[in-house]
N, C-alpha and C. Protein backbone atom coordinates (compact mmCIF):
# COMPACT_ATOMS: atom_id res chain seq x y z
N MET A 1 2.35 3.63 19.33
CA MET A 1 3.45 4.26 18.71
C MET A 1 3.56 3.60 17.38
N ILE A 2 3.61 4.31 16.23
CA ILE A 2 3.79 3.96 14.88
C ILE A 2 5.34 4.42 14.63
N ALA A 3 6.19 3.39 14.70
CA ALA A 3 7.56 3.77 14.18
C ALA A 3 7.88 3.75 12.66
N ILE A 4 8.34 4.70 12.10
CA ILE A 4 8.61 4.83 10.70
C ILE A 4 9.86 5.20 10.35
N ALA A 5 10.40 4.56 9.18
CA ALA A 5 11.67 4.83 8.60
C ALA A 5 11.24 5.61 7.25
N LEU A 6 12.21 6.56 6.87
CA LEU A 6 11.87 7.29 5.82
C LEU A 6 13.02 6.95 4.73
N VAL A 7 12.90 6.81 3.63
CA VAL A 7 13.91 6.41 2.56
C VAL A 7 13.66 7.67 1.40
N ASP A 8 14.65 8.57 1.27
CA ASP A 8 14.65 9.47 0.54
C ASP A 8 15.99 10.03 0.37
N ASP A 9 16.31 10.38 -1.07
CA ASP A 9 17.81 10.85 -1.23
C ASP A 9 17.91 12.31 -1.04
N HIS A 10 16.87 13.09 -0.89
CA HIS A 10 16.93 14.38 -0.57
C HIS A 10 16.69 14.69 0.78
N ARG A 11 17.85 15.20 1.35
CA ARG A 11 17.78 15.31 2.87
C ARG A 11 16.72 16.26 3.42
N VAL A 12 16.57 17.52 2.62
CA VAL A 12 15.59 18.42 3.18
C VAL A 12 14.10 17.78 3.01
N VAL A 13 13.81 16.96 1.92
CA VAL A 13 12.52 16.18 1.94
C VAL A 13 12.45 15.30 3.34
N GLY A 14 13.44 14.55 3.45
CA GLY A 14 13.31 13.50 4.64
C GLY A 14 13.22 14.20 6.14
N ARG A 15 13.97 15.50 6.21
CA ARG A 15 13.78 16.18 7.42
C ARG A 15 12.28 16.90 7.58
N SER A 16 11.78 17.22 6.39
CA SER A 16 10.50 18.06 6.30
C SER A 16 9.50 16.93 6.70
N LEU A 17 9.48 15.65 6.02
CA LEU A 17 8.60 14.57 6.47
C LEU A 17 8.65 14.26 8.01
N LYS A 18 10.01 14.18 8.41
CA LYS A 18 10.06 13.87 9.83
C LYS A 18 9.46 14.83 10.81
N ALA A 19 9.64 16.27 10.39
CA ALA A 19 9.05 17.21 11.40
C ALA A 19 7.59 17.12 11.20
N TYR A 20 7.04 16.73 9.93
CA TYR A 20 5.53 16.73 9.86
C TYR A 20 5.00 15.57 10.72
N LEU A 21 5.59 14.54 10.52
CA LEU A 21 5.02 13.23 11.12
C LEU A 21 5.11 13.32 12.57
N GLU A 22 6.34 13.71 13.11
CA GLU A 22 6.55 13.74 14.60
C GLU A 22 5.83 14.71 15.41
N SER A 23 4.94 15.69 14.47
CA SER A 23 4.07 16.56 15.14
C SER A 23 2.84 15.86 15.84
N PHE A 24 2.69 14.70 15.44
CA PHE A 24 1.59 13.73 15.92
C PHE A 24 2.20 13.04 16.85
N PRO A 25 1.48 12.88 18.00
CA PRO A 25 2.12 12.10 19.25
C PRO A 25 2.11 10.65 19.22
N ASP A 26 1.38 10.02 18.35
CA ASP A 26 1.42 8.51 18.02
C ASP A 26 2.42 8.10 16.91
N ILE A 27 3.23 9.05 16.38
CA ILE A 27 4.06 8.63 15.26
C ILE A 27 5.54 9.06 15.70
N ARG A 28 6.63 8.23 15.36
CA ARG A 28 7.93 8.47 15.70
C ARG A 28 8.73 8.02 14.55
N VAL A 29 9.68 8.99 14.00
CA VAL A 29 10.58 8.53 12.91
C VAL A 29 11.85 7.91 13.52
N VAL A 30 12.07 6.72 13.18
CA VAL A 30 13.18 5.90 13.82
C VAL A 30 14.70 5.97 13.00
N GLY A 31 14.31 6.56 11.86
CA GLY A 31 15.55 6.63 10.95
C GLY A 31 15.30 7.43 9.62
N ILE A 32 16.37 7.85 8.93
CA ILE A 32 16.17 8.31 7.61
C ILE A 32 17.35 7.81 6.88
N ALA A 33 17.06 7.21 5.70
CA ALA A 33 17.96 6.43 4.88
C ALA A 33 17.98 7.26 3.36
N SER A 34 19.14 7.22 2.88
CA SER A 34 19.26 7.94 1.40
C SER A 34 19.15 6.91 0.34
N THR A 35 19.52 5.78 0.66
CA THR A 35 19.50 4.81 -0.28
C THR A 35 18.68 3.44 0.11
N GLY A 36 18.25 2.50 -0.67
CA GLY A 36 17.63 1.26 -0.39
C GLY A 36 18.66 0.68 0.30
N GLU A 37 19.74 0.40 -0.04
CA GLU A 37 20.76 -0.32 0.64
C GLU A 37 21.10 0.03 2.05
N GLU A 38 21.03 1.30 2.19
CA GLU A 38 21.17 1.77 3.79
C GLU A 38 19.93 1.26 4.59
N LEU A 39 18.86 1.27 4.03
CA LEU A 39 17.58 0.98 4.83
C LEU A 39 17.82 -0.53 5.14
N LEU A 40 17.92 -1.25 4.17
CA LEU A 40 18.11 -2.67 4.35
C LEU A 40 19.15 -3.03 5.33
N GLU A 41 20.22 -2.37 5.49
CA GLU A 41 21.23 -2.62 6.35
C GLU A 41 20.87 -2.08 7.75
N ARG A 42 19.97 -1.28 7.87
CA ARG A 42 19.66 -0.79 9.34
C ARG A 42 18.17 -1.23 9.66
N LEU A 43 17.35 -2.12 9.04
CA LEU A 43 16.13 -2.38 9.30
C LEU A 43 16.20 -3.23 10.83
N ASP A 44 17.17 -3.83 11.00
CA ASP A 44 17.17 -4.75 12.35
C ASP A 44 17.48 -3.59 13.52
N GLU A 45 18.37 -2.58 13.07
CA GLU A 45 18.49 -1.39 14.21
C GLU A 45 17.37 -0.66 14.44
N TRP A 46 16.77 -0.11 13.34
CA TRP A 46 15.66 0.55 13.58
C TRP A 46 14.35 0.09 13.97
N LYS A 47 13.92 -1.09 13.46
CA LYS A 47 12.89 -1.83 13.63
C LYS A 47 11.59 -0.88 13.49
N PRO A 48 11.44 -0.52 12.41
CA PRO A 48 10.22 0.24 11.96
C PRO A 48 9.06 -0.62 11.77
N ARG A 49 8.09 -0.02 11.87
CA ARG A 49 6.66 -0.62 11.53
C ARG A 49 6.15 -0.21 10.25
N ILE A 50 6.49 0.76 9.68
CA ILE A 50 6.07 1.31 8.23
C ILE A 50 7.41 2.12 7.76
N VAL A 51 7.59 1.80 6.24
CA VAL A 51 8.66 2.51 5.85
C VAL A 51 7.95 3.40 4.60
N LEU A 52 8.30 4.68 4.66
CA LEU A 52 7.92 5.57 3.59
C LEU A 52 8.93 5.42 2.60
N GLN A 53 8.79 5.02 1.45
CA GLN A 53 9.91 4.64 0.30
C GLN A 53 9.57 5.31 -0.93
N ASP A 54 10.74 6.46 -1.11
CA ASP A 54 10.85 6.95 -2.35
C ASP A 54 11.10 5.83 -3.50
N LEU A 55 10.51 5.64 -4.59
CA LEU A 55 10.73 4.88 -5.70
C LEU A 55 12.00 5.15 -6.55
N LEU A 56 12.39 6.49 -6.77
CA LEU A 56 13.39 6.74 -7.53
C LEU A 56 14.45 7.18 -6.64
N LEU A 57 15.63 6.12 -6.65
CA LEU A 57 16.82 6.35 -5.74
C LEU A 57 18.15 6.31 -6.49
N PRO A 58 19.06 6.70 -5.79
CA PRO A 58 20.48 6.45 -6.48
C PRO A 58 20.99 5.13 -5.88
N GLY A 59 21.89 4.79 -6.44
CA GLY A 59 22.57 3.53 -5.94
C GLY A 59 22.19 2.31 -6.84
N GLY A 60 22.66 1.04 -6.25
CA GLY A 60 22.36 0.03 -7.05
C GLY A 60 20.86 -0.57 -7.03
N ILE A 61 19.94 -0.26 -6.13
CA ILE A 61 18.71 -0.83 -6.13
C ILE A 61 17.53 0.37 -5.98
N ASP A 62 16.68 0.41 -6.85
CA ASP A 62 15.54 1.37 -6.79
C ASP A 62 14.49 1.09 -5.77
N GLY A 63 13.51 2.02 -5.85
CA GLY A 63 12.67 1.74 -4.55
C GLY A 63 11.63 0.52 -4.47
N ILE A 64 11.35 0.15 -5.89
CA ILE A 64 10.57 -1.22 -5.99
C ILE A 64 11.36 -2.33 -5.54
N GLU A 65 12.70 -2.46 -5.85
CA GLU A 65 13.36 -3.57 -5.53
C GLU A 65 13.69 -3.50 -4.07
N THR A 66 13.81 -2.30 -3.47
CA THR A 66 14.07 -2.29 -2.01
C THR A 66 12.81 -2.71 -1.34
N ILE A 67 11.56 -2.19 -1.86
CA ILE A 67 10.27 -2.91 -1.18
C ILE A 67 10.21 -4.37 -1.29
N ARG A 68 10.70 -4.86 -2.44
CA ARG A 68 10.53 -6.44 -2.62
C ARG A 68 11.72 -7.06 -1.53
N ARG A 69 12.80 -6.59 -1.46
CA ARG A 69 13.77 -7.20 -0.53
C ARG A 69 13.43 -7.10 0.80
N MET A 70 12.71 -6.00 1.29
CA MET A 70 12.30 -5.76 2.68
C MET A 70 11.21 -6.66 3.01
N ALA A 71 10.31 -6.88 1.94
CA ALA A 71 9.22 -7.78 2.11
C ALA A 71 9.65 -9.27 2.46
N GLU A 72 10.72 -9.63 1.92
CA GLU A 72 11.25 -10.90 1.94
C GLU A 72 12.22 -11.07 3.33
N ARG A 73 12.72 -9.94 3.90
CA ARG A 73 13.50 -10.05 4.85
C ARG A 73 12.74 -9.62 6.12
N ALA A 74 11.75 -8.78 6.07
CA ALA A 74 10.90 -8.25 7.27
C ALA A 74 9.56 -8.10 6.82
N PRO A 75 8.84 -9.42 6.76
CA PRO A 75 7.33 -9.28 6.27
C PRO A 75 6.42 -8.55 7.04
N GLY A 76 6.94 -8.40 8.45
CA GLY A 76 5.78 -7.48 9.19
C GLY A 76 6.05 -6.14 9.15
N VAL A 77 7.17 -5.63 8.25
CA VAL A 77 7.09 -4.23 7.98
C VAL A 77 6.34 -3.78 6.76
N LYS A 78 5.62 -2.78 6.94
CA LYS A 78 4.71 -2.43 5.68
C LYS A 78 5.44 -1.19 5.11
N ALA A 79 5.48 -1.29 3.70
CA ALA A 79 5.93 -0.07 3.07
C ALA A 79 4.79 0.79 2.33
N ILE A 80 5.08 1.99 2.26
CA ILE A 80 4.18 2.89 1.56
C ILE A 80 5.05 3.63 0.55
N ALA A 81 4.74 3.62 -0.78
CA ALA A 81 5.45 4.03 -1.85
C ALA A 81 5.45 5.59 -1.97
N LEU A 82 6.15 6.38 -1.97
CA LEU A 82 6.00 7.76 -1.85
C LEU A 82 6.76 8.27 -3.27
N THR A 83 5.98 8.76 -4.22
CA THR A 83 6.56 8.97 -5.47
C THR A 83 5.88 10.26 -6.22
N ALA A 84 6.46 10.73 -7.28
CA ALA A 84 5.77 11.79 -8.03
C ALA A 84 5.11 11.26 -9.17
N SER A 85 5.16 10.11 -9.39
CA SER A 85 4.56 9.34 -10.41
C SER A 85 3.22 8.86 -10.33
N THR A 86 2.16 8.87 -11.20
CA THR A 86 0.90 8.24 -11.29
C THR A 86 0.96 7.34 -12.25
N ASP A 87 2.01 6.77 -12.87
CA ASP A 87 2.11 5.65 -13.90
C ASP A 87 1.70 4.38 -13.38
N GLU A 88 0.71 3.89 -14.15
CA GLU A 88 0.18 2.55 -13.58
C GLU A 88 1.11 1.47 -13.47
N ALA A 89 1.95 1.34 -14.46
CA ALA A 89 3.10 0.37 -14.33
C ALA A 89 3.85 0.42 -13.18
N ARG A 90 4.34 1.66 -12.73
CA ARG A 90 5.07 1.86 -11.42
C ARG A 90 4.29 1.41 -10.19
N MET A 91 3.03 1.90 -10.27
CA MET A 91 2.00 1.63 -9.07
C MET A 91 1.83 0.23 -9.05
N MET A 92 1.59 -0.49 -9.96
CA MET A 92 1.32 -1.83 -9.83
C MET A 92 2.70 -2.75 -9.44
N GLY A 93 3.73 -2.15 -9.98
CA GLY A 93 5.12 -2.64 -9.50
C GLY A 93 5.56 -2.68 -8.23
N ALA A 94 5.07 -1.35 -7.56
CA ALA A 94 5.27 -1.38 -5.94
C ALA A 94 4.26 -2.05 -5.49
N LEU A 95 3.24 -2.27 -5.75
CA LEU A 95 2.25 -2.98 -5.11
C LEU A 95 2.60 -4.62 -5.21
N ARG A 96 2.91 -4.85 -6.29
CA ARG A 96 3.48 -6.29 -6.51
C ARG A 96 4.64 -6.62 -5.74
N ALA A 97 5.53 -5.78 -5.34
CA ALA A 97 6.71 -5.88 -4.70
C ALA A 97 6.23 -6.20 -3.25
N GLY A 98 5.09 -5.72 -2.69
CA GLY A 98 4.69 -5.69 -1.44
C GLY A 98 4.43 -4.39 -0.79
N ALA A 99 4.24 -3.32 -1.48
CA ALA A 99 3.82 -2.04 -0.77
C ALA A 99 2.27 -2.33 -0.39
N ALA A 100 1.95 -1.76 0.60
CA ALA A 100 0.66 -1.62 1.19
C ALA A 100 0.11 -0.33 0.89
N GLY A 101 0.72 0.60 0.41
CA GLY A 101 0.16 2.12 0.21
C GLY A 101 0.83 2.58 -0.76
N TYR A 102 0.36 3.76 -1.62
CA TYR A 102 0.90 4.40 -2.79
C TYR A 102 0.42 5.84 -2.56
N VAL A 103 1.19 6.66 -2.54
CA VAL A 103 1.02 8.10 -2.33
C VAL A 103 1.91 9.24 -3.01
N ARG A 104 1.38 10.04 -3.55
CA ARG A 104 2.24 11.03 -4.42
C ARG A 104 2.82 12.06 -3.52
N LYS A 105 4.04 12.53 -4.10
CA LYS A 105 4.76 13.34 -3.15
C LYS A 105 4.03 14.82 -3.10
N ASP A 106 3.18 15.20 -4.11
CA ASP A 106 2.71 16.43 -3.81
C ASP A 106 1.08 16.35 -3.33
N ALA A 107 0.94 15.14 -2.79
CA ALA A 107 -0.50 15.14 -2.14
C ALA A 107 -0.39 16.06 -0.93
N ASP A 108 -1.45 16.23 -0.47
CA ASP A 108 -1.73 17.20 0.88
C ASP A 108 -1.14 16.24 2.02
N PRO A 109 -0.60 17.03 3.02
CA PRO A 109 -0.09 16.31 4.04
C PRO A 109 -0.96 15.33 4.78
N GLU A 110 -2.28 15.66 4.74
CA GLU A 110 -3.43 14.83 5.49
C GLU A 110 -3.50 13.47 4.66
N VAL A 111 -3.28 13.56 3.42
CA VAL A 111 -3.33 12.22 2.79
C VAL A 111 -2.19 11.26 3.12
N LEU A 112 -0.98 11.78 3.29
CA LEU A 112 0.25 11.02 3.85
C LEU A 112 -0.15 10.53 5.23
N LEU A 113 -0.75 11.31 6.12
CA LEU A 113 -1.16 10.87 7.53
C LEU A 113 -2.08 9.93 7.43
N ALA A 114 -2.96 10.06 6.37
CA ALA A 114 -4.21 9.00 6.27
C ALA A 114 -3.70 7.61 6.09
N ALA A 115 -2.60 7.81 4.99
CA ALA A 115 -2.10 6.43 4.45
C ALA A 115 -1.34 5.82 5.74
N VAL A 116 -0.50 6.39 6.32
CA VAL A 116 0.16 6.08 7.66
C VAL A 116 -0.72 5.14 8.64
N ARG A 117 -1.61 6.07 8.81
CA ARG A 117 -2.50 5.23 10.05
C ARG A 117 -3.33 3.97 9.40
N ALA A 118 -3.84 4.32 8.08
CA ALA A 118 -4.53 3.29 7.33
C ALA A 118 -3.64 1.89 7.51
N VAL A 119 -2.31 2.04 6.89
CA VAL A 119 -1.68 0.90 6.80
C VAL A 119 -1.09 0.53 8.14
N ALA A 120 -1.10 1.28 9.02
CA ALA A 120 -0.79 0.91 10.57
C ALA A 120 -1.85 -0.26 11.10
N ARG A 121 -3.08 0.27 10.47
CA ARG A 121 -4.18 -0.63 10.80
C ARG A 121 -4.38 -1.88 10.12
N GLY A 122 -3.43 -2.08 9.11
CA GLY A 122 -3.49 -3.39 8.32
C GLY A 122 -4.16 -3.20 6.99
N LYS A 123 -4.73 -1.88 6.60
CA LYS A 123 -5.26 -1.60 5.39
C LYS A 123 -4.74 -1.27 4.09
N THR A 124 -4.91 -1.43 3.11
CA THR A 124 -4.26 -0.92 1.67
C THR A 124 -4.62 0.60 1.54
N TYR A 125 -3.73 1.51 1.29
CA TYR A 125 -4.10 2.86 1.03
C TYR A 125 -3.49 3.30 -0.25
N ILE A 126 -4.55 3.79 -1.38
CA ILE A 126 -4.03 4.38 -2.49
C ILE A 126 -4.47 5.84 -2.32
N ASP A 127 -3.58 6.74 -2.84
CA ASP A 127 -3.66 8.10 -2.86
C ASP A 127 -4.98 8.22 -3.91
N PRO A 128 -5.99 9.09 -3.25
CA PRO A 128 -7.24 9.51 -4.05
C PRO A 128 -7.00 9.77 -5.40
N SER A 129 -5.82 10.88 -5.71
CA SER A 129 -5.67 11.31 -6.91
C SER A 129 -5.45 10.14 -8.04
N CYS A 130 -4.60 9.08 -7.56
CA CYS A 130 -4.06 8.02 -8.32
C CYS A 130 -5.30 6.98 -8.47
N ALA A 131 -6.01 6.92 -7.34
CA ALA A 131 -7.30 5.92 -7.33
C ALA A 131 -8.29 6.46 -8.28
N ALA A 132 -8.34 7.74 -8.42
CA ALA A 132 -9.28 8.45 -9.51
C ALA A 132 -8.90 8.11 -10.75
N ALA A 133 -7.56 8.13 -11.18
CA ALA A 133 -7.10 8.07 -12.46
C ALA A 133 -7.24 6.56 -12.80
N MET A 134 -7.09 5.66 -11.74
CA MET A 134 -7.45 4.41 -12.07
C MET A 134 -9.10 3.88 -12.48
N ALA A 135 -9.81 4.56 -11.68
CA ALA A 135 -11.26 4.46 -11.80
C ALA A 135 -11.63 4.92 -13.17
N HIS A 136 -10.97 5.89 -13.73
CA HIS A 136 -11.42 6.29 -15.02
C HIS A 136 -10.87 5.32 -16.14
N ALA A 137 -10.06 4.62 -15.96
CA ALA A 137 -9.65 3.84 -16.90
C ALA A 137 -10.50 2.74 -17.49
N THR A 138 -10.52 2.04 -18.70
CA THR A 138 -11.33 1.20 -19.03
C THR A 138 -10.54 0.02 -19.51
N ILE A 139 -11.00 -1.28 -18.95
CA ILE A 139 -10.30 -2.45 -19.21
C ILE A 139 -11.38 -3.49 -19.27
N GLY A 140 -11.19 -4.54 -20.05
CA GLY A 140 -12.09 -5.70 -20.06
C GLY A 140 -11.78 -6.56 -18.66
N VAL A 141 -12.92 -7.45 -18.20
CA VAL A 141 -12.61 -8.31 -17.13
C VAL A 141 -13.52 -9.49 -17.17
N GLU A 142 -12.95 -10.61 -16.96
CA GLU A 142 -13.89 -11.69 -16.77
C GLU A 142 -14.89 -11.60 -15.63
N ASP A 143 -16.00 -11.88 -15.92
CA ASP A 143 -16.89 -11.66 -14.84
C ASP A 143 -16.80 -12.13 -13.59
N LEU A 144 -16.93 -11.19 -12.56
CA LEU A 144 -16.89 -11.76 -11.15
C LEU A 144 -18.40 -12.07 -10.82
N THR A 145 -18.73 -13.00 -9.97
CA THR A 145 -20.13 -13.20 -9.42
C THR A 145 -20.39 -12.15 -8.53
N ALA A 146 -21.69 -11.89 -8.07
CA ALA A 146 -22.11 -10.98 -7.25
C ALA A 146 -21.28 -11.16 -5.87
N ARG A 147 -21.29 -12.37 -5.41
CA ARG A 147 -20.59 -12.74 -4.08
C ARG A 147 -19.15 -12.06 -4.19
N GLU A 148 -18.33 -12.47 -5.32
CA GLU A 148 -17.03 -12.15 -5.39
C GLU A 148 -16.83 -10.56 -5.39
N VAL A 149 -17.83 -9.85 -6.01
CA VAL A 149 -17.76 -8.51 -5.88
C VAL A 149 -17.88 -8.01 -4.59
N GLU A 150 -18.49 -8.59 -3.81
CA GLU A 150 -18.98 -8.19 -2.40
C GLU A 150 -17.69 -8.31 -1.62
N VAL A 151 -17.24 -9.60 -1.76
CA VAL A 151 -16.01 -9.79 -1.32
C VAL A 151 -14.79 -8.90 -1.55
N LEU A 152 -14.64 -8.53 -2.77
CA LEU A 152 -13.67 -7.62 -3.28
C LEU A 152 -13.80 -6.24 -2.43
N ARG A 153 -14.99 -5.88 -2.46
CA ARG A 153 -15.40 -4.40 -1.83
C ARG A 153 -15.10 -4.55 -0.19
N LEU A 154 -15.16 -5.75 0.33
CA LEU A 154 -14.97 -5.83 1.69
C LEU A 154 -13.30 -5.80 1.95
N VAL A 155 -12.67 -6.50 0.98
CA VAL A 155 -11.16 -6.59 0.80
C VAL A 155 -10.71 -5.15 0.86
N ALA A 156 -11.30 -4.37 -0.02
CA ALA A 156 -10.82 -2.86 -0.25
C ALA A 156 -11.23 -2.12 0.86
N SER A 157 -11.92 -2.61 1.62
CA SER A 157 -12.39 -1.71 3.21
C SER A 157 -11.34 -2.08 4.15
N GLY A 158 -10.43 -3.22 3.86
CA GLY A 158 -9.55 -3.64 4.88
C GLY A 158 -9.96 -4.60 5.74
N ARG A 159 -10.89 -5.20 5.43
CA ARG A 159 -11.31 -6.39 6.45
C ARG A 159 -10.54 -7.56 6.12
N SER A 160 -10.31 -8.34 7.16
CA SER A 160 -9.62 -9.57 7.08
C SER A 160 -10.52 -10.74 6.67
N ASN A 161 -9.99 -11.83 6.27
CA ASN A 161 -10.82 -12.83 6.14
C ASN A 161 -11.87 -13.24 6.94
N LYS A 162 -11.34 -13.18 8.27
CA LYS A 162 -12.30 -13.53 9.40
C LYS A 162 -13.53 -12.75 9.31
N GLU A 163 -12.95 -11.34 9.30
CA GLU A 163 -14.06 -10.18 9.35
C GLU A 163 -15.02 -10.20 8.29
N ILE A 164 -14.46 -10.55 6.98
CA ILE A 164 -15.45 -10.74 5.84
C ILE A 164 -16.34 -11.97 6.19
N ALA A 165 -15.93 -13.08 6.62
CA ALA A 165 -16.82 -14.09 6.94
C ALA A 165 -17.98 -13.85 7.85
N ASP A 166 -17.47 -13.12 8.91
CA ASP A 166 -18.58 -12.57 9.99
C ASP A 166 -19.61 -11.69 9.38
N ALA A 167 -19.10 -10.55 8.47
CA ALA A 167 -19.89 -9.66 7.95
C ALA A 167 -20.81 -10.55 6.96
N LEU A 168 -20.49 -11.34 6.07
CA LEU A 168 -21.34 -12.18 5.02
C LEU A 168 -21.95 -13.36 5.70
N ASP A 169 -21.71 -13.75 7.15
CA ASP A 169 -22.26 -15.05 7.54
C ASP A 169 -21.89 -16.18 6.82
N ILE A 170 -20.52 -16.33 6.46
CA ILE A 170 -20.29 -17.59 5.57
C ILE A 170 -18.88 -17.91 6.34
N ALA A 171 -18.53 -19.17 5.90
CA ALA A 171 -17.42 -19.88 6.50
C ALA A 171 -16.05 -19.14 6.00
N ASP A 172 -14.86 -19.24 6.88
CA ASP A 172 -13.64 -18.71 6.57
C ASP A 172 -13.29 -19.24 5.29
N GLU A 173 -13.35 -20.60 5.23
CA GLU A 173 -12.55 -21.18 3.87
C GLU A 173 -13.45 -20.63 2.57
N THR A 174 -14.84 -20.51 2.86
CA THR A 174 -15.54 -19.98 1.84
C THR A 174 -15.06 -18.62 1.24
N VAL A 175 -14.65 -17.76 2.31
CA VAL A 175 -14.22 -16.42 1.90
C VAL A 175 -12.64 -16.69 1.32
N LYS A 176 -11.94 -17.60 1.79
CA LYS A 176 -10.57 -17.82 1.08
C LYS A 176 -10.82 -18.42 -0.14
N THR A 177 -11.73 -19.19 -0.54
CA THR A 177 -12.14 -19.52 -1.88
C THR A 177 -12.54 -18.35 -2.96
N HIS A 178 -13.30 -17.65 -2.28
CA HIS A 178 -13.76 -16.11 -3.00
C HIS A 178 -12.52 -15.42 -3.32
N VAL A 179 -11.87 -14.98 -2.44
CA VAL A 179 -10.73 -14.27 -2.54
C VAL A 179 -9.77 -14.75 -3.53
N GLY A 180 -9.44 -16.19 -3.44
CA GLY A 180 -8.56 -16.87 -4.46
C GLY A 180 -9.19 -16.61 -5.93
N ASN A 181 -10.51 -16.64 -6.11
CA ASN A 181 -11.26 -16.61 -7.32
C ASN A 181 -11.12 -15.19 -7.86
N VAL A 182 -11.26 -14.12 -6.89
CA VAL A 182 -11.19 -12.82 -7.30
C VAL A 182 -9.72 -12.58 -7.93
N PHE A 183 -8.60 -12.96 -7.21
CA PHE A 183 -7.38 -12.71 -7.52
C PHE A 183 -7.01 -13.25 -8.92
N ALA A 184 -7.75 -14.53 -9.12
CA ALA A 184 -7.29 -15.25 -10.47
C ALA A 184 -8.16 -14.42 -11.69
N LYS A 185 -9.18 -14.07 -11.34
CA LYS A 185 -9.97 -13.43 -12.42
C LYS A 185 -9.35 -11.80 -12.71
N LEU A 186 -8.96 -11.32 -11.60
CA LEU A 186 -8.19 -9.96 -11.89
C LEU A 186 -6.84 -10.13 -12.18
N GLU A 187 -6.46 -11.24 -12.23
CA GLU A 187 -4.87 -11.44 -12.60
C GLU A 187 -4.04 -10.58 -11.55
N VAL A 188 -4.16 -10.84 -10.30
CA VAL A 188 -3.30 -10.14 -9.35
C VAL A 188 -3.02 -11.31 -8.24
N GLU A 189 -1.76 -10.76 -7.50
CA GLU A 189 -1.16 -11.54 -6.51
C GLU A 189 -1.57 -11.10 -4.98
N ASN A 190 -1.98 -10.09 -4.83
CA ASN A 190 -2.29 -9.73 -3.40
C ASN A 190 -3.51 -8.76 -3.41
N ARG A 191 -3.72 -8.35 -2.03
CA ARG A 191 -5.07 -7.47 -1.91
C ARG A 191 -4.71 -5.98 -2.32
N ALA A 192 -3.59 -5.51 -2.27
CA ALA A 192 -3.28 -4.12 -2.83
C ALA A 192 -3.75 -4.13 -4.31
N GLN A 193 -3.21 -5.17 -4.89
CA GLN A 193 -3.34 -5.00 -6.56
C GLN A 193 -4.51 -5.32 -6.81
N ALA A 194 -5.34 -6.28 -5.94
CA ALA A 194 -7.04 -6.25 -6.24
C ALA A 194 -7.67 -5.08 -6.02
N VAL A 195 -7.30 -4.31 -5.01
CA VAL A 195 -7.99 -2.99 -4.73
C VAL A 195 -7.78 -2.15 -6.11
N VAL A 196 -6.76 -2.05 -6.81
CA VAL A 196 -6.43 -1.04 -7.79
C VAL A 196 -7.07 -1.49 -9.21
N GLN A 197 -6.95 -2.96 -9.27
CA GLN A 197 -7.68 -3.48 -10.36
C GLN A 197 -9.35 -3.25 -10.17
N GLY A 198 -9.79 -3.19 -8.93
CA GLY A 198 -11.11 -3.22 -8.71
C GLY A 198 -11.53 -1.89 -9.12
N LEU A 199 -10.82 -0.80 -8.69
CA LEU A 199 -11.08 0.40 -8.83
C LEU A 199 -10.94 0.78 -10.69
N LYS A 200 -9.98 0.21 -11.15
CA LYS A 200 -10.04 0.60 -12.76
C LYS A 200 -11.17 0.04 -13.50
N ARG A 201 -11.89 -1.27 -12.81
CA ARG A 201 -12.78 -1.77 -13.61
C ARG A 201 -14.12 -1.55 -13.09
N GLY A 202 -14.27 -0.48 -12.07
CA GLY A 202 -15.42 -0.01 -11.55
C GLY A 202 -16.10 -0.87 -10.69
N LEU A 203 -15.36 -1.90 -10.10
CA LEU A 203 -15.98 -2.76 -9.02
C LEU A 203 -15.92 -2.17 -7.85
N VAL A 204 -15.00 -1.31 -7.51
CA VAL A 204 -14.80 -0.61 -6.08
C VAL A 204 -14.87 0.80 -6.31
N ARG A 205 -15.64 1.36 -5.46
CA ARG A 205 -15.69 2.81 -5.40
C ARG A 205 -14.70 3.41 -4.37
N LEU A 206 -14.48 4.67 -4.69
CA LEU A 206 -13.39 5.41 -3.83
C LEU A 206 -13.84 5.30 -2.32
N GLU A 207 -15.07 5.73 -2.04
CA GLU A 207 -15.35 5.87 -0.80
C GLU A 207 -15.27 4.48 0.04
N GLU A 208 -15.09 3.20 -0.64
CA GLU A 208 -15.09 2.17 -0.12
C GLU A 208 -13.61 1.95 0.52
N LEU A 209 -12.66 2.85 -0.09
CA LEU A 209 -11.32 2.67 0.68
C LEU A 209 -11.13 3.49 1.98
N GLU A 210 -12.20 4.33 2.22
CA GLU A 210 -12.24 5.11 3.52
C GLU A 210 -12.04 4.12 4.80
């Protein structure tokens, strides 16, 4: 069962999301918060596995700051940013704060469902419409080696370091070194950011996120 908490200041949106998600037998909505503060106060009570987080919220903290504080307080809970924006700075801000997914509010419901299930499996999920925009951007990059590109693509597919090591028949420590080199060259801090930068720079293809 995938336990989900929703954070959105529009009650109709929250209720609509709840009705849609709970139409699937493996998903249960454990709470709906209208502010970031309310979510943080009720995390221990609700015990969600995933939080669908609106980025534009009233109150003292916005969605990105809520994601950051939640990542510090409950690192096992995964956040999916749910927003109307495809702004690159906002996307990278959410991912840098700790979000594992990014979905547009006007996306097809099937996209949101795919994001929930992918993140529940430990993968990163970027809305295809946002990923396509990133893929068409042009930006310079320090050259990655062929092996580092291979590792990046496996990271994008949601593989763990151990799974990458098995797939490439190399040591776990070697994978760790390659991942560190990829992060340094792409100037990112985590796997979600690496996926976005890989898309932007043409190193990762959309189909590799499936």
